[in-house]
Amino acid sequence: MAEAVALEEKKHKEGIGEFIQETRAELDKTTFPSSDDVKNTTIIVVISVLFFAAYLFVIDRAWVYVLDGLAWVVNKLVGA
């Protein structure tokens, strides 16, 4: 309850100048990655995507193979 009261007291209507000043102060705190960091991260992401695509393809093909074999066994047992 005390937190709500503290937030209500803290809340005030700020002007556009104060908003821009606070926004610039926050932007000054940000850091951007270097070109090499972006390049390395992109390479890692592309390799990871290709690896998981291949992995999921292999798992999918394995499940299809297992389920086709199971269907064949069931058909042989039922006599269809």
N, C-alpha and C. Protein backbone atom coordinates (compact mmCIF):
# COMPACT_ATOMS: atom_id res chain seq x y z
N MET A 1 0.83 -1.19 0.00
CA MET A 1 0.00 0.00 0.00
C MET A 1 0.87 1.25 0.00
N ALA A 2 1.95 1.19 0.76
CA ALA A 2 2.84 2.34 0.83
C ALA A 2 3.52 2.59 -0.51
N GLU A 3 3.76 1.49 -1.26
CA GLU A 3 4.39 1.64 -2.57
C GLU A 3 3.48 2.39 -3.53
N ALA A 4 2.19 2.10 -3.47
CA ALA A 4 1.24 2.77 -4.34
C ALA A 4 1.18 4.26 -4.04
N VAL A 5 1.23 4.59 -2.76
CA VAL A 5 1.20 5.99 -2.36
C VAL A 5 2.48 6.68 -2.84
N ALA A 6 3.62 6.00 -2.71
CA ALA A 6 4.89 6.57 -3.14
C ALA A 6 4.89 6.79 -4.65
N LEU A 7 4.33 5.84 -5.40
CA LEU A 7 4.25 6.00 -6.85
C LEU A 7 3.33 7.15 -7.22
N GLU A 8 2.24 7.30 -6.50
CA GLU A 8 1.29 8.38 -6.80
C GLU A 8 1.93 9.74 -6.53
N GLU A 9 2.72 9.83 -5.46
CA GLU A 9 3.38 11.10 -5.15
C GLU A 9 4.46 11.39 -6.19
N LYS A 10 5.14 10.34 -6.67
CA LYS A 10 6.21 10.51 -7.63
C LYS A 10 5.67 10.89 -9.01
N LYS A 11 4.46 10.47 -9.27
CA LYS A 11 3.85 10.72 -10.57
C LYS A 11 3.51 12.20 -10.70
N HIS A 12 4.04 12.81 -11.74
CA HIS A 12 3.69 14.19 -12.05
C HIS A 12 3.77 14.36 -13.56
N LYS A 13 3.09 15.33 -14.03
CA LYS A 13 3.07 15.57 -15.46
C LYS A 13 4.36 16.28 -15.85
N GLU A 14 5.13 15.64 -16.74
CA GLU A 14 6.38 16.24 -17.15
C GLU A 14 6.20 16.91 -18.50
N GLY A 15 6.98 17.89 -18.74
CA GLY A 15 6.91 18.61 -20.00
C GLY A 15 7.71 17.91 -21.07
N ILE A 16 7.56 18.38 -22.30
CA ILE A 16 8.25 17.78 -23.43
C ILE A 16 9.76 17.99 -23.32
N GLY A 17 10.17 19.12 -22.77
CA GLY A 17 11.60 19.39 -22.59
C GLY A 17 12.25 18.41 -21.63
N GLU A 18 11.55 18.15 -20.52
CA GLU A 18 12.07 17.19 -19.54
C GLU A 18 12.12 15.79 -20.14
N PHE A 19 11.11 15.45 -20.91
CA PHE A 19 11.08 14.14 -21.57
C PHE A 19 12.27 13.98 -22.52
N ILE A 20 12.54 14.99 -23.33
CA ILE A 20 13.66 14.93 -24.28
C ILE A 20 14.99 14.86 -23.53
N GLN A 21 15.11 15.61 -22.46
CA GLN A 21 16.33 15.60 -21.67
C GLN A 21 16.58 14.22 -21.07
N GLU A 22 15.55 13.59 -20.53
CA GLU A 22 15.69 12.25 -19.95
C GLU A 22 15.97 11.21 -21.03
N THR A 23 15.35 11.40 -22.19
CA THR A 23 15.59 10.46 -23.29
C THR A 23 17.04 10.54 -23.76
N ARG A 24 17.56 11.73 -23.91
CA ARG A 24 18.97 11.90 -24.31
C ARG A 24 19.91 11.32 -23.27
N ALA A 25 19.57 11.49 -21.99
CA ALA A 25 20.41 10.94 -20.92
C ALA A 25 20.43 9.41 -21.02
N GLU A 26 19.29 8.80 -21.32
CA GLU A 26 19.24 7.34 -21.47
C GLU A 26 20.00 6.88 -22.70
N LEU A 27 19.89 7.63 -23.79
CA LEU A 27 20.62 7.27 -25.01
C LEU A 27 22.13 7.38 -24.81
N ASP A 28 22.58 8.30 -23.97
CA ASP A 28 24.00 8.42 -23.69
C ASP A 28 24.53 7.20 -22.94
N LYS A 29 23.65 6.50 -22.22
CA LYS A 29 24.05 5.31 -21.46
C LYS A 29 24.17 4.07 -22.34
N THR A 30 23.59 4.09 -23.54
CA THR A 30 23.59 2.90 -24.38
C THR A 30 24.94 2.73 -25.07
N THR A 31 25.26 1.47 -25.34
CA THR A 31 26.46 1.15 -26.11
C THR A 31 26.03 0.30 -27.29
N PHE A 32 26.70 0.46 -28.39
CA PHE A 32 26.38 -0.29 -29.59
C PHE A 32 27.54 -1.22 -29.92
N PRO A 33 27.23 -2.41 -30.44
CA PRO A 33 28.30 -3.36 -30.75
C PRO A 33 29.14 -2.89 -31.93
N SER A 34 30.37 -3.36 -31.95
CA SER A 34 31.26 -3.01 -33.05
C SER A 34 30.88 -3.84 -34.28
N SER A 35 31.44 -3.47 -35.41
CA SER A 35 31.17 -4.18 -36.66
C SER A 35 31.61 -5.64 -36.56
N ASP A 36 32.75 -5.88 -35.93
CA ASP A 36 33.24 -7.25 -35.77
C ASP A 36 32.31 -8.07 -34.88
N ASP A 37 31.79 -7.46 -33.82
CA ASP A 37 30.86 -8.17 -32.94
C ASP A 37 29.60 -8.57 -33.71
N VAL A 38 29.08 -7.66 -34.51
CA VAL A 38 27.87 -7.94 -35.29
C VAL A 38 28.14 -9.06 -36.29
N LYS A 39 29.29 -9.00 -36.96
CA LYS A 39 29.65 -10.01 -37.95
C LYS A 39 29.77 -11.39 -37.29
N ASN A 40 30.48 -11.46 -36.16
CA ASN A 40 30.67 -12.73 -35.46
C ASN A 40 29.35 -13.30 -34.95
N THR A 41 28.51 -12.45 -34.41
CA THR A 41 27.22 -12.91 -33.91
C THR A 41 26.34 -13.40 -35.05
N THR A 42 26.37 -12.73 -36.18
CA THR A 42 25.59 -13.16 -37.34
C THR A 42 26.05 -14.52 -37.83
N ILE A 43 27.34 -14.73 -37.87
CA ILE A 43 27.87 -16.03 -38.29
C ILE A 43 27.42 -17.13 -37.34
N ILE A 44 27.47 -16.86 -36.05
CA ILE A 44 27.04 -17.85 -35.06
C ILE A 44 25.56 -18.18 -35.24
N VAL A 45 24.75 -17.18 -35.46
CA VAL A 45 23.31 -17.40 -35.63
C VAL A 45 23.04 -18.22 -36.89
N VAL A 46 23.69 -17.89 -37.99
CA VAL A 46 23.46 -18.63 -39.24
C VAL A 46 23.89 -20.09 -39.08
N ILE A 47 25.04 -20.32 -38.47
CA ILE A 47 25.49 -21.69 -38.25
C ILE A 47 24.53 -22.45 -37.34
N SER A 48 24.06 -21.81 -36.30
CA SER A 48 23.11 -22.45 -35.38
C SER A 48 21.81 -22.81 -36.09
N VAL A 49 21.30 -21.91 -36.89
CA VAL A 49 20.05 -22.16 -37.62
C VAL A 49 20.23 -23.34 -38.58
N LEU A 50 21.34 -23.36 -39.31
CA LEU A 50 21.58 -24.47 -40.23
C LEU A 50 21.74 -25.80 -39.49
N PHE A 51 22.44 -25.78 -38.36
CA PHE A 51 22.61 -26.99 -37.57
C PHE A 51 21.27 -27.53 -37.08
N PHE A 52 20.44 -26.67 -36.50
CA PHE A 52 19.17 -27.13 -35.97
C PHE A 52 18.20 -27.52 -37.07
N ALA A 53 18.29 -26.88 -38.23
CA ALA A 53 17.45 -27.29 -39.36
C ALA A 53 17.83 -28.69 -39.80
N ALA A 54 19.13 -28.98 -39.91
CA ALA A 54 19.58 -30.31 -40.29
C ALA A 54 19.21 -31.33 -39.23
N TYR A 55 19.39 -30.98 -37.97
CA TYR A 55 19.06 -31.88 -36.86
C TYR A 55 17.56 -32.23 -36.88
N LEU A 56 16.72 -31.24 -37.01
CA LEU A 56 15.28 -31.50 -37.02
C LEU A 56 14.86 -32.28 -38.26
N PHE A 57 15.53 -32.07 -39.39
CA PHE A 57 15.24 -32.85 -40.59
C PHE A 57 15.56 -34.32 -40.35
N VAL A 58 16.71 -34.58 -39.76
CA VAL A 58 17.11 -35.97 -39.49
C VAL A 58 16.14 -36.62 -38.50
N ILE A 59 15.78 -35.92 -37.46
CA ILE A 59 14.83 -36.47 -36.47
C ILE A 59 13.48 -36.73 -37.14
N ASP A 60 13.02 -35.84 -37.99
CA ASP A 60 11.75 -36.02 -38.68
C ASP A 60 11.80 -37.24 -39.59
N ARG A 61 12.87 -37.37 -40.34
CA ARG A 61 13.01 -38.54 -41.23
C ARG A 61 13.05 -39.82 -40.42
N ALA A 62 13.72 -39.82 -39.27
CA ALA A 62 13.79 -41.01 -38.41
C ALA A 62 12.41 -41.38 -37.91
N TRP A 63 11.61 -40.41 -37.48
CA TRP A 63 10.26 -40.69 -37.00
C TRP A 63 9.39 -41.23 -38.13
N VAL A 64 9.52 -40.70 -39.32
CA VAL A 64 8.76 -41.21 -40.46
C VAL A 64 9.14 -42.66 -40.72
N TYR A 65 10.42 -42.96 -40.67
CA TYR A 65 10.89 -44.33 -40.87
C TYR A 65 10.32 -45.27 -39.80
N VAL A 66 10.37 -44.86 -38.55
CA VAL A 66 9.86 -45.68 -37.44
C VAL A 66 8.36 -45.88 -37.58
N LEU A 67 7.62 -44.83 -37.87
CA LEU A 67 6.17 -44.94 -37.97
C LEU A 67 5.76 -45.77 -39.19
N ASP A 68 6.49 -45.65 -40.31
CA ASP A 68 6.20 -46.50 -41.47
C ASP A 68 6.45 -47.97 -41.14
N GLY A 69 7.53 -48.24 -40.42
CA GLY A 69 7.81 -49.61 -39.99
C GLY A 69 6.75 -50.13 -39.06
N LEU A 70 6.31 -49.31 -38.14
CA LEU A 70 5.24 -49.71 -37.21
C LEU A 70 3.95 -49.97 -37.97
N ALA A 71 3.62 -49.14 -38.93
CA ALA A 71 2.41 -49.36 -39.73
C ALA A 71 2.52 -50.65 -40.53
N TRP A 72 3.71 -50.95 -41.05
CA TRP A 72 3.92 -52.20 -41.79
C TRP A 72 3.70 -53.40 -40.89
N VAL A 73 4.24 -53.36 -39.67
CA VAL A 73 4.08 -54.46 -38.70
C VAL A 73 2.62 -54.63 -38.36
N VAL A 74 1.91 -53.55 -38.09
CA VAL A 74 0.48 -53.63 -37.73
C VAL A 74 -0.29 -54.20 -38.91
N ASN A 75 0.01 -53.77 -40.11
CA ASN A 75 -0.70 -54.30 -41.30
C ASN A 75 -0.42 -55.79 -41.46
N LYS A 76 0.78 -56.25 -41.19
CA LYS A 76 1.10 -57.67 -41.29
C LYS A 76 0.36 -58.47 -40.23
N LEU A 77 0.25 -57.91 -39.03
CA LEU A 77 -0.44 -58.61 -37.95
C LEU A 77 -1.94 -58.68 -38.19
N VAL A 78 -2.51 -57.63 -38.73
CA VAL A 78 -3.95 -57.57 -38.96
C VAL A 78 -4.30 -58.31 -40.25
N GLY A 79 -3.37 -58.38 -41.17
CA GLY A 79 -3.60 -59.09 -42.42
C GLY A 79 -4.14 -58.21 -43.52
N ALA A 80 -3.94 -56.95 -43.41
CA ALA A 80 -4.45 -56.04 -44.43
C ALA A 80 -3.54 -55.95 -45.60
